[in-house]
Amino acid sequence: MMLDIRTLTLEQIRNFLDLDDNRSAIKWLNDNGIPISQIGRKYVVNQFMFELKQQQIAVEELKISYPSKWFEIYDANTPDKGMVKAISELYPRKQLIKVKKNKENSYIK
C-alpha cells in the first residue's frame, strides 16, 4: 500500500481557508506544522496532511463541546473512514470496563 501523495497548491489552500494572500496561507501552514514543498515553480502541501489538520481542529472543538461522546459524533459525521481511523490513532479513547462480582466471587465483564 502506498501513501496518498496528492498535493494542494498555495492558491487552493488560500481559497479553502478564505485567506487574502499566499503569505497568510504560508503562515497558517507553518503555525500548524504542515510542511511546504516546492515542485517546479509551485509551492504545494500534502493534501492528506492538510485535511488531517483540519479534522484535528474539528475534533478539538468536538472534545470541548461533547467530552464523552465526541468520537461517536465525529465517526457518524465523517464519511472518510480512513480519516476516522487516523483520528482514532491520534486520539485514543480510553475504554472503561466495569467489573462486577457474581455470587461465586468470580468476576464478570
N, C-alpha and C. Protein backbone atom coordinates (compact mmCIF):
# COMPACT_ATOMS: atom_id res chain seq x y z
N MET A 1 0.85 -1.18 0.00
CA MET A 1 0.00 0.00 0.00
C MET A 1 0.89 1.24 0.00
N MET A 2 0.50 2.22 -0.78
CA MET A 2 1.29 3.44 -0.88
C MET A 2 0.58 4.58 -0.15
N LEU A 3 1.37 5.49 0.33
CA LEU A 3 0.87 6.69 0.97
C LEU A 3 0.25 7.61 -0.08
N ASP A 4 -0.86 8.21 0.24
CA ASP A 4 -1.52 9.15 -0.65
C ASP A 4 -0.65 10.40 -0.78
N ILE A 5 -0.24 10.74 -1.99
CA ILE A 5 0.66 11.88 -2.16
C ILE A 5 0.05 12.98 -3.03
N ARG A 6 -1.27 13.09 -3.04
CA ARG A 6 -1.89 14.20 -3.74
C ARG A 6 -1.49 15.50 -3.04
N THR A 7 -1.39 16.55 -3.82
CA THR A 7 -0.96 17.83 -3.26
C THR A 7 -1.99 18.92 -3.52
N LEU A 8 -1.87 19.97 -2.73
CA LEU A 8 -2.66 21.18 -2.90
C LEU A 8 -1.70 22.34 -3.08
N THR A 9 -2.04 23.25 -3.96
CA THR A 9 -1.22 24.44 -4.17
C THR A 9 -1.55 25.46 -3.08
N LEU A 10 -0.67 26.44 -2.96
CA LEU A 10 -0.93 27.52 -2.00
C LEU A 10 -2.23 28.25 -2.34
N GLU A 11 -2.51 28.39 -3.62
CA GLU A 11 -3.75 29.05 -4.03
C GLU A 11 -4.97 28.25 -3.56
N GLN A 12 -4.91 26.93 -3.70
CA GLN A 12 -6.02 26.09 -3.24
C GLN A 12 -6.18 26.20 -1.73
N ILE A 13 -5.06 26.20 -1.00
CA ILE A 13 -5.10 26.34 0.46
C ILE A 13 -5.70 27.69 0.82
N ARG A 14 -5.22 28.72 0.17
CA ARG A 14 -5.70 30.07 0.42
C ARG A 14 -7.22 30.17 0.19
N ASN A 15 -7.70 29.59 -0.90
CA ASN A 15 -9.13 29.62 -1.19
C ASN A 15 -9.93 28.81 -0.17
N PHE A 16 -9.40 27.66 0.20
CA PHE A 16 -10.10 26.81 1.17
C PHE A 16 -10.22 27.51 2.52
N LEU A 17 -9.15 28.17 2.95
CA LEU A 17 -9.15 28.85 4.24
C LEU A 17 -9.74 30.26 4.17
N ASP A 18 -10.09 30.69 2.97
CA ASP A 18 -10.65 32.02 2.72
C ASP A 18 -9.69 33.12 3.20
N LEU A 19 -8.43 32.99 2.76
CA LEU A 19 -7.40 33.97 3.09
C LEU A 19 -7.14 34.88 1.90
N ASP A 20 -6.60 36.06 2.17
CA ASP A 20 -6.41 37.06 1.13
C ASP A 20 -5.16 36.85 0.28
N ASP A 21 -4.11 36.25 0.85
CA ASP A 21 -2.87 36.14 0.09
C ASP A 21 -2.10 34.89 0.48
N ASN A 22 -1.08 34.58 -0.35
CA ASN A 22 -0.26 33.39 -0.11
C ASN A 22 0.53 33.50 1.19
N ARG A 23 0.94 34.70 1.55
CA ARG A 23 1.70 34.89 2.78
C ARG A 23 0.89 34.43 3.99
N SER A 24 -0.40 34.74 4.00
CA SER A 24 -1.28 34.30 5.09
C SER A 24 -1.42 32.78 5.10
N ALA A 25 -1.51 32.20 3.91
CA ALA A 25 -1.61 30.74 3.81
C ALA A 25 -0.33 30.08 4.33
N ILE A 26 0.81 30.62 3.95
CA ILE A 26 2.10 30.08 4.42
C ILE A 26 2.19 30.19 5.94
N LYS A 27 1.77 31.30 6.50
CA LYS A 27 1.80 31.47 7.95
C LYS A 27 0.91 30.43 8.62
N TRP A 28 -0.30 30.21 8.10
CA TRP A 28 -1.21 29.23 8.68
C TRP A 28 -0.60 27.83 8.62
N LEU A 29 -0.01 27.49 7.49
CA LEU A 29 0.62 26.17 7.33
C LEU A 29 1.78 26.01 8.31
N ASN A 30 2.63 27.02 8.42
CA ASN A 30 3.75 26.95 9.36
C ASN A 30 3.27 26.86 10.80
N ASP A 31 2.26 27.66 11.15
CA ASP A 31 1.73 27.64 12.52
C ASP A 31 1.13 26.28 12.88
N ASN A 32 0.67 25.55 11.87
CA ASN A 32 0.04 24.26 12.11
C ASN A 32 0.92 23.07 11.77
N GLY A 33 2.21 23.34 11.53
CA GLY A 33 3.19 22.27 11.34
C GLY A 33 3.04 21.48 10.06
N ILE A 34 2.51 22.10 9.03
CA ILE A 34 2.35 21.41 7.74
C ILE A 34 3.48 21.85 6.82
N PRO A 35 4.33 20.89 6.41
CA PRO A 35 5.47 21.25 5.57
C PRO A 35 5.04 21.70 4.16
N ILE A 36 5.79 22.64 3.63
CA ILE A 36 5.55 23.15 2.28
C ILE A 36 6.70 22.67 1.40
N SER A 37 6.35 22.10 0.25
CA SER A 37 7.36 21.62 -0.70
C SER A 37 7.28 22.44 -1.97
N GLN A 38 8.37 22.42 -2.72
CA GLN A 38 8.37 23.10 -4.00
C GLN A 38 8.50 22.07 -5.10
N ILE A 39 7.57 22.13 -6.06
CA ILE A 39 7.62 21.28 -7.24
C ILE A 39 7.64 22.22 -8.44
N GLY A 40 8.79 22.28 -9.08
CA GLY A 40 8.95 23.27 -10.15
C GLY A 40 8.87 24.66 -9.57
N ARG A 41 7.95 25.45 -10.07
CA ARG A 41 7.77 26.81 -9.56
C ARG A 41 6.62 26.92 -8.58
N LYS A 42 5.95 25.81 -8.31
CA LYS A 42 4.80 25.84 -7.42
C LYS A 42 5.17 25.35 -6.02
N TYR A 43 4.55 25.98 -5.04
CA TYR A 43 4.66 25.52 -3.67
C TYR A 43 3.40 24.72 -3.36
N VAL A 44 3.60 23.54 -2.80
CA VAL A 44 2.48 22.63 -2.55
C VAL A 44 2.60 22.02 -1.15
N VAL A 45 1.48 21.50 -0.69
CA VAL A 45 1.46 20.74 0.57
C VAL A 45 0.76 19.42 0.30
N ASN A 46 1.05 18.44 1.14
CA ASN A 46 0.40 17.15 1.04
C ASN A 46 -1.06 17.31 1.44
N GLN A 47 -1.96 16.88 0.56
CA GLN A 47 -3.39 17.06 0.79
C GLN A 47 -3.86 16.33 2.04
N PHE A 48 -3.36 15.11 2.26
CA PHE A 48 -3.77 14.35 3.44
C PHE A 48 -3.37 15.08 4.72
N MET A 49 -2.15 15.61 4.76
CA MET A 49 -1.70 16.31 5.97
C MET A 49 -2.55 17.54 6.24
N PHE A 50 -2.91 18.26 5.18
CA PHE A 50 -3.76 19.44 5.34
C PHE A 50 -5.14 19.03 5.85
N GLU A 51 -5.73 18.00 5.24
CA GLU A 51 -7.06 17.55 5.66
C GLU A 51 -7.03 16.99 7.08
N LEU A 52 -5.96 16.29 7.43
CA LEU A 52 -5.84 15.76 8.79
C LEU A 52 -5.81 16.88 9.81
N LYS A 53 -5.07 17.95 9.53
CA LYS A 53 -5.02 19.09 10.45
C LYS A 53 -6.40 19.73 10.57
N GLN A 54 -7.13 19.84 9.48
CA GLN A 54 -8.49 20.38 9.53
C GLN A 54 -9.38 19.50 10.42
N GLN A 55 -9.23 18.19 10.29
CA GLN A 55 -10.01 17.27 11.11
C GLN A 55 -9.62 17.38 12.59
N GLN A 56 -8.33 17.54 12.87
CA GLN A 56 -7.88 17.70 14.24
C GLN A 56 -8.50 18.94 14.88
N ILE A 57 -8.59 20.01 14.13
CA ILE A 57 -9.20 21.24 14.65
C ILE A 57 -10.66 20.97 14.99
N ALA A 58 -11.37 20.27 14.11
CA ALA A 58 -12.78 19.94 14.36
C ALA A 58 -12.91 19.02 15.57
N VAL A 59 -12.01 18.06 15.71
CA VAL A 59 -12.05 17.13 16.85
C VAL A 59 -11.83 17.87 18.16
N GLU A 60 -10.89 18.80 18.17
CA GLU A 60 -10.65 19.57 19.40
C GLU A 60 -11.91 20.33 19.81
N GLU A 61 -12.63 20.88 18.85
CA GLU A 61 -13.87 21.57 19.16
C GLU A 61 -14.94 20.60 19.67
N LEU A 62 -15.03 19.42 19.04
CA LEU A 62 -15.98 18.40 19.49
C LEU A 62 -15.66 17.94 20.91
N LYS A 63 -14.38 17.77 21.21
CA LYS A 63 -13.99 17.32 22.55
C LYS A 63 -14.39 18.31 23.62
N ILE A 64 -14.37 19.60 23.29
CA ILE A 64 -14.79 20.63 24.24
C ILE A 64 -16.31 20.59 24.42
N SER A 65 -17.03 20.50 23.32
CA SER A 65 -18.49 20.54 23.38
C SER A 65 -19.12 19.23 23.85
N TYR A 66 -18.52 18.10 23.49
CA TYR A 66 -19.08 16.78 23.81
C TYR A 66 -17.98 15.86 24.34
N PRO A 67 -17.48 16.12 25.54
CA PRO A 67 -16.30 15.39 26.02
C PRO A 67 -16.46 13.87 26.09
N SER A 68 -17.65 13.36 26.34
CA SER A 68 -17.79 11.91 26.48
C SER A 68 -18.28 11.23 25.20
N LYS A 69 -18.76 11.98 24.24
CA LYS A 69 -19.31 11.37 23.01
C LYS A 69 -18.71 11.94 21.74
N TRP A 70 -17.59 12.65 21.86
CA TRP A 70 -17.02 13.31 20.70
C TRP A 70 -16.71 12.34 19.58
N PHE A 71 -16.16 11.16 19.91
CA PHE A 71 -15.74 10.23 18.85
C PHE A 71 -16.95 9.68 18.11
N GLU A 72 -18.00 9.34 18.82
CA GLU A 72 -19.19 8.80 18.18
C GLU A 72 -19.79 9.83 17.22
N ILE A 73 -19.82 11.10 17.64
CA ILE A 73 -20.34 12.17 16.79
C ILE A 73 -19.45 12.36 15.57
N TYR A 74 -18.14 12.37 15.80
CA TYR A 74 -17.19 12.52 14.70
C TYR A 74 -17.33 11.38 13.69
N ASP A 75 -17.34 10.15 14.21
CA ASP A 75 -17.44 8.97 13.35
C ASP A 75 -18.73 8.98 12.53
N ALA A 76 -19.84 9.33 13.15
CA ALA A 76 -21.13 9.34 12.46
C ALA A 76 -21.20 10.40 11.37
N ASN A 77 -20.40 11.44 11.47
CA ASN A 77 -20.47 12.55 10.51
C ASN A 77 -19.29 12.64 9.57
N THR A 78 -18.43 11.62 9.57
CA THR A 78 -17.25 11.63 8.71
C THR A 78 -17.32 10.46 7.75
N PRO A 79 -17.60 10.72 6.47
CA PRO A 79 -17.72 9.62 5.51
C PRO A 79 -16.38 8.94 5.20
N ASP A 80 -15.27 9.64 5.38
CA ASP A 80 -13.95 9.08 5.09
C ASP A 80 -13.48 8.25 6.28
N LYS A 81 -13.71 6.94 6.22
CA LYS A 81 -13.38 6.08 7.36
C LYS A 81 -11.87 5.93 7.56
N GLY A 82 -11.09 6.20 6.52
CA GLY A 82 -9.64 6.25 6.70
C GLY A 82 -9.24 7.41 7.60
N MET A 83 -9.93 8.53 7.47
CA MET A 83 -9.66 9.68 8.32
C MET A 83 -10.11 9.38 9.75
N VAL A 84 -11.24 8.69 9.90
CA VAL A 84 -11.70 8.30 11.23
C VAL A 84 -10.65 7.43 11.90
N LYS A 85 -10.07 6.50 11.16
CA LYS A 85 -9.02 5.62 11.70
C LYS A 85 -7.79 6.45 12.12
N ALA A 86 -7.40 7.41 11.28
CA ALA A 86 -6.25 8.25 11.60
C ALA A 86 -6.52 9.05 12.88
N ILE A 87 -7.71 9.62 13.00
CA ILE A 87 -8.06 10.38 14.20
C ILE A 87 -8.08 9.48 15.43
N SER A 88 -8.59 8.26 15.27
CA SER A 88 -8.63 7.35 16.43
C SER A 88 -7.22 6.96 16.88
N GLU A 89 -6.26 6.98 15.97
CA GLU A 89 -4.87 6.71 16.34
C GLU A 89 -4.26 7.90 17.08
N LEU A 90 -4.62 9.11 16.65
CA LEU A 90 -4.09 10.32 17.29
C LEU A 90 -4.76 10.61 18.63
N TYR A 91 -6.02 10.22 18.76
CA TYR A 91 -6.80 10.49 19.97
C TYR A 91 -7.38 9.17 20.49
N PRO A 92 -6.54 8.32 21.08
CA PRO A 92 -7.06 7.04 21.56
C PRO A 92 -8.11 7.24 22.64
N ARG A 93 -9.17 6.47 22.54
CA ARG A 93 -10.24 6.54 23.53
C ARG A 93 -9.95 5.51 24.60
N LYS A 94 -10.11 5.93 25.83
CA LYS A 94 -9.90 5.02 26.95
C LYS A 94 -11.21 4.30 27.22
N GLN A 95 -11.18 3.00 27.14
CA GLN A 95 -12.37 2.19 27.39
C GLN A 95 -12.40 1.81 28.86
N LEU A 96 -13.47 2.18 29.52
CA LEU A 96 -13.65 1.78 30.90
C LEU A 96 -14.48 0.52 30.93
N ILE A 97 -13.98 -0.51 31.58
CA ILE A 97 -14.70 -1.77 31.69
C ILE A 97 -15.15 -1.91 33.12
N LYS A 98 -16.45 -2.00 33.28
CA LYS A 98 -16.98 -2.19 34.62
C LYS A 98 -16.94 -3.67 34.95
N VAL A 99 -16.44 -3.97 36.10
CA VAL A 99 -16.32 -5.36 36.53
C VAL A 99 -17.14 -5.54 37.78
N LYS A 100 -17.96 -6.60 37.78
CA LYS A 100 -18.80 -6.90 38.94
C LYS A 100 -18.50 -8.32 39.40
N LYS A 101 -18.68 -8.54 40.67
CA LYS A 101 -18.53 -9.89 41.19
C LYS A 101 -19.90 -10.55 41.22
N ASN A 102 -19.91 -11.85 40.86
CA ASN A 102 -21.16 -12.58 40.98
C ASN A 102 -21.18 -13.32 42.32
N LYS A 103 -22.17 -14.12 42.55
CA LYS A 103 -22.34 -14.80 43.84
C LYS A 103 -21.18 -15.74 44.16
N GLU A 104 -20.52 -16.28 43.16
CA GLU A 104 -19.41 -17.21 43.39
C GLU A 104 -18.07 -16.47 43.55
N ASN A 105 -18.11 -15.16 43.69
CA ASN A 105 -16.92 -14.32 43.84
C ASN A 105 -15.97 -14.37 42.64
N SER A 106 -16.50 -14.67 41.46
CA SER A 106 -15.68 -14.54 40.26
C SER A 106 -16.11 -13.28 39.53
N TYR A 107 -15.26 -12.79 38.68
CA TYR A 107 -15.52 -11.51 38.02
C TYR A 107 -16.27 -11.71 36.70
N ILE A 108 -17.17 -10.80 36.44
CA ILE A 108 -17.93 -10.78 35.19
C ILE A 108 -17.63 -9.45 34.50
N LYS A 109 -17.44 -9.49 33.21
CA LYS A 109 -17.25 -8.24 32.44
C LYS A 109 -18.55 -7.83 31.84
